Amino acid sequence: MPKLTLCTNPMSRGRIARWMLEEVGQPYDTRIVAYGDEIKGPDYLAINPMGKVPALLHGDSVVTECAAIVTYLADAFPEAGLMPADRAAFYRWMFFAAGPLEAAIIDRALGVTVPEDKRAMVGYGDFDQAVRVLADHVGRQPYVCGAAFSAADVYVGSQVGWGLRFGTMPALPEFLAYWDRLKDRPAQARAAAIDDALLETKE
């Protein structure tokens, strides 16, 4: 079986990829990539020319972008049961979270205000609309793709959990209830413990 290696930093979106790897349950190695010279150096840029983490190496294959890594792993290891039968819902909400939702959150955090007459130019319209669309969806069912947990919940749930923790998303009842269904999953707890321990070794 091709070797899995996660290139990451504990202070990055690599935490999402690690959670997915823990859900998949396959052995993997970790390469910690330091910010600064290393992440922008030629060795790492040969893996990800964007000079950012995470990146997943699977044999000779390289996958970057968290949503892509989560999707790739769900496809590569079907025995984990993380790719839902409802592919339409999976792709819809993965791409919504990776595109409009993340853009709305980042713009809000950076203080970017889109003029009302320009909202049609951005994929999310406005922050409140994007957030409400997701809240309404997770408020209607236990998980993103229906009654069962899937890879989509790793990615979307990570955004919700992070947003609630750091105040980049409103603490709506739907989000609180949704994150409460995810936060105690064994794989999520293992992944968080690994990255938290890595943070402590840097202090």
Protein backbone atom coordinates (compact mmCIF):
# COMPACT_ATOMS: atom_id res chain seq x y z
CA MET A 1 0.00 0.00 0.00
CA PRO A 2 1.38 3.47 -0.86
CA LYS A 3 2.64 5.40 2.14
CA LEU A 4 0.55 8.26 3.53
CA THR A 5 2.34 11.36 4.79
CA LEU A 6 0.67 14.47 6.14
CA CYS A 7 2.64 17.69 5.75
CA THR A 8 1.20 20.03 8.32
CA ASN A 9 1.65 22.48 11.14
CA PRO A 10 -0.41 22.26 14.35
CA MET A 11 -1.42 25.90 13.87
CA SER A 12 -3.07 25.36 10.51
CA ARG A 13 -5.96 23.83 8.61
CA GLY A 14 -3.87 20.69 8.71
CA ARG A 15 -5.86 19.86 11.82
CA ILE A 16 -8.79 19.13 9.52
CA ALA A 17 -6.74 16.73 7.42
CA ARG A 18 -5.46 14.97 10.54
CA TRP A 19 -9.00 14.48 11.83
CA MET A 20 -9.90 12.87 8.50
CA LEU A 21 -6.85 10.62 8.62
CA GLU A 22 -7.82 9.50 12.11
CA GLU A 23 -11.34 8.74 10.88
CA VAL A 24 -9.93 6.72 7.97
CA GLY A 25 -7.83 4.67 10.37
CA GLN A 26 -4.90 4.00 8.04
CA PRO A 27 -1.30 4.41 9.26
CA TYR A 28 0.32 7.67 8.25
CA ASP A 29 3.45 9.68 8.90
CA THR A 30 3.56 13.33 9.84
CA ARG A 31 5.97 15.93 8.53
CA ILE A 32 5.83 19.17 10.49
CA VAL A 33 6.51 22.13 8.23
CA ALA A 34 7.66 25.26 10.03
CA TYR A 35 6.36 28.65 8.99
CA GLY A 36 8.92 31.02 7.54
CA ASP A 37 11.90 29.76 5.61
CA GLU A 38 10.90 26.09 5.53
CA ILE A 39 7.35 26.46 4.23
CA LYS A 40 8.57 28.91 1.57
CA GLY A 41 11.75 26.98 0.82
CA PRO A 42 12.43 25.02 -2.38
CA ASP A 43 11.97 21.57 -0.83
CA TYR A 44 8.45 22.25 0.36
CA LEU A 45 7.51 24.40 -2.63
CA ALA A 46 8.23 21.33 -4.76
CA ILE A 47 5.32 19.69 -2.91
CA ASN A 48 2.98 22.70 -2.74
CA PRO A 49 4.00 25.71 -4.85
CA MET A 50 1.56 27.81 -2.81
CA GLY A 51 3.82 27.36 0.20
CA LYS A 52 1.04 26.40 2.60
CA VAL A 53 -0.12 23.40 4.57
CA PRO A 54 -1.62 20.87 4.63
CA ALA A 55 -0.46 18.65 1.83
CA LEU A 56 -1.07 14.93 1.66
CA LEU A 57 1.43 12.59 0.02
CA HIS A 58 0.08 9.19 -0.97
CA GLY A 59 2.78 7.31 -2.77
CA ASP A 60 3.61 9.49 -5.78
CA SER A 61 0.37 11.47 -5.51
CA VAL A 62 0.16 14.91 -3.90
CA VAL A 63 -3.12 16.40 -2.74
CA THR A 64 -3.46 19.94 -1.42
CA GLU A 65 -6.45 21.97 -0.20
CA CYS A 66 -8.32 20.60 2.81
CA ALA A 67 -11.58 19.88 1.04
CA ALA A 68 -9.70 17.97 -1.65
CA ILE A 69 -7.72 15.99 0.94
CA VAL A 70 -10.88 15.01 2.81
CA THR A 71 -12.62 13.97 -0.41
CA TYR A 72 -9.57 12.09 -1.68
CA LEU A 73 -9.25 10.07 1.50
CA ALA A 74 -12.96 9.20 1.51
CA ASP A 75 -12.60 7.90 -2.05
CA ALA A 76 -9.24 6.19 -1.54
CA PHE A 77 -10.40 4.23 1.52
CA PRO A 78 -14.05 3.29 0.92
CA GLU A 79 -13.88 0.67 3.67
CA ALA A 80 -13.95 3.53 6.19
CA GLY A 81 -17.52 4.27 5.10
CA LEU A 82 -17.01 8.03 5.01
CA MET A 83 -18.24 8.71 1.47
CA PRO A 84 -22.04 8.98 1.70
CA ALA A 85 -24.45 7.42 -0.74
CA ASP A 86 -25.90 10.87 -1.40
CA ARG A 87 -23.06 12.19 -3.52
CA ALA A 88 -25.07 15.23 -4.59
CA ALA A 89 -25.36 16.43 -0.98
CA PHE A 90 -21.71 15.62 -0.33
CA TYR A 91 -20.36 17.67 -3.22
CA ARG A 92 -22.87 20.47 -2.73
CA TRP A 93 -21.98 21.14 0.89
CA MET A 94 -18.26 20.45 0.59
CA PHE A 95 -17.93 23.01 -2.17
CA PHE A 96 -20.26 25.44 -0.41
CA ALA A 97 -18.07 25.29 2.71
CA ALA A 98 -14.81 25.50 0.76
CA GLY A 99 -16.02 28.34 -1.46
CA PRO A 100 -18.77 30.77 -0.44
CA LEU A 101 -18.73 30.04 3.30
CA GLU A 102 -14.97 30.29 3.80
CA ALA A 103 -14.78 33.43 1.66
CA ALA A 104 -17.55 35.04 3.71
CA ILE A 105 -15.83 34.16 6.99
CA ILE A 106 -12.41 35.40 5.89
CA ASP A 107 -13.78 38.63 4.44
CA ARG A 108 -15.65 39.31 7.68
CA ALA A 109 -12.52 38.59 9.75
CA LEU A 110 -10.47 40.95 7.57
CA GLY A 111 -13.05 43.70 7.76
CA VAL A 112 -13.92 43.47 4.07
CA THR A 113 -17.36 44.86 3.34
CA VAL A 114 -18.86 44.13 -0.04
CA PRO A 115 -21.02 47.04 -1.26
CA GLU A 116 -24.66 46.05 -1.58
CA ASP A 117 -24.66 46.72 -5.29
CA LYS A 118 -21.63 44.41 -5.75
CA ARG A 119 -22.89 41.38 -3.81
CA ALA A 120 -23.83 39.55 -6.98
CA MET A 121 -20.10 39.46 -7.81
CA VAL A 122 -19.14 37.40 -4.76
CA GLY A 123 -20.16 33.80 -4.32
CA TYR A 124 -21.59 34.25 -0.84
CA GLY A 125 -23.78 37.33 -1.33
CA ASP A 126 -23.31 38.48 2.25
CA PHE A 127 -22.01 36.90 5.45
CA ASP A 128 -25.38 36.61 7.19
CA GLN A 129 -26.95 34.86 4.21
CA ALA A 130 -24.15 32.31 3.88
CA VAL A 131 -24.18 31.51 7.59
CA ARG A 132 -27.96 31.22 7.72
CA VAL A 133 -28.02 28.81 4.75
CA LEU A 134 -25.67 26.43 6.55
CA ALA A 135 -27.41 26.82 9.92
CA ASP A 136 -30.78 26.00 8.38
CA HIS A 137 -29.33 22.91 6.73
CA VAL A 138 -27.62 21.40 9.78
CA GLY A 139 -30.65 22.32 11.85
CA ARG A 140 -32.87 20.02 9.79
CA GLN A 141 -30.89 16.79 10.11
CA PRO A 142 -28.18 15.26 12.28
CA TYR A 143 -25.36 15.43 9.74
CA VAL A 144 -24.51 17.25 6.53
CA CYS A 145 -25.53 14.37 4.25
CA GLY A 146 -28.41 13.03 6.30
CA ALA A 147 -28.71 10.63 9.20
CA ALA A 148 -25.13 9.30 9.14
CA PHE A 149 -21.76 10.95 9.78
CA SER A 150 -19.60 11.32 6.66
CA ALA A 151 -16.42 12.97 5.42
CA ALA A 152 -18.45 16.11 4.76
CA ASP A 153 -18.89 16.49 8.51
CA VAL A 154 -15.13 16.46 9.02
CA TYR A 155 -14.73 19.46 6.73
CA VAL A 156 -17.92 21.39 7.44
CA GLY A 157 -17.83 20.48 11.11
CA SER A 158 -14.26 21.71 11.45
CA GLN A 159 -15.28 25.09 10.10
CA VAL A 160 -18.20 25.26 12.51
CA GLY A 161 -16.14 24.13 15.50
CA TRP A 162 -13.35 26.57 14.71
CA GLY A 163 -15.84 29.37 14.08
CA LEU A 164 -17.56 28.83 17.41
CA ARG A 165 -14.27 28.63 19.30
CA PHE A 166 -12.77 31.79 17.85
CA GLY A 167 -15.92 33.79 17.23
CA THR A 168 -15.71 33.87 13.45
CA MET A 169 -19.16 32.27 13.21
CA PRO A 170 -22.18 33.17 15.35
CA ALA A 171 -23.12 30.82 18.17
CA LEU A 172 -26.47 29.92 16.64
CA PRO A 173 -28.40 27.07 18.30
CA GLU A 174 -28.14 25.01 15.12
CA PHE A 175 -24.36 25.29 15.07
CA LEU A 176 -24.00 24.54 18.78
CA ALA A 177 -26.14 21.41 18.47
CA TYR A 178 -24.33 20.27 15.32
CA TRP A 179 -20.85 20.70 16.83
CA ASP A 180 -22.01 18.95 19.98
CA ARG A 181 -22.71 15.88 17.83
CA LEU A 182 -19.16 15.94 16.45
CA LYS A 183 -16.77 17.19 19.11
CA ASP A 184 -16.55 13.97 21.11
CA ARG A 185 -15.92 11.61 18.22
CA PRO A 186 -12.88 9.46 19.12
CA ALA A 187 -11.06 10.33 15.89
CA GLN A 188 -11.59 14.05 16.43
CA ALA A 189 -10.34 13.78 20.01
CA ARG A 190 -7.24 11.82 18.92
CA ALA A 191 -6.42 14.29 16.17
CA ALA A 192 -6.83 17.29 18.47
CA ALA A 193 -4.66 15.67 21.15
CA ILE A 194 -1.86 15.00 18.65
CA ASP A 195 -1.82 18.57 17.36
CA ASP A 196 -2.21 20.08 20.82
CA ALA A 197 0.80 18.06 22.00
CA LEU A 198 2.81 19.31 19.03
CA LEU A 199 1.91 22.86 19.98
CA GLU A 200 3.12 22.29 23.53
CA THR A 201 6.50 21.03 22.33
CA LYS A 202 6.99 24.32 20.45
CA GLU A 203 6.37 26.47 23.52
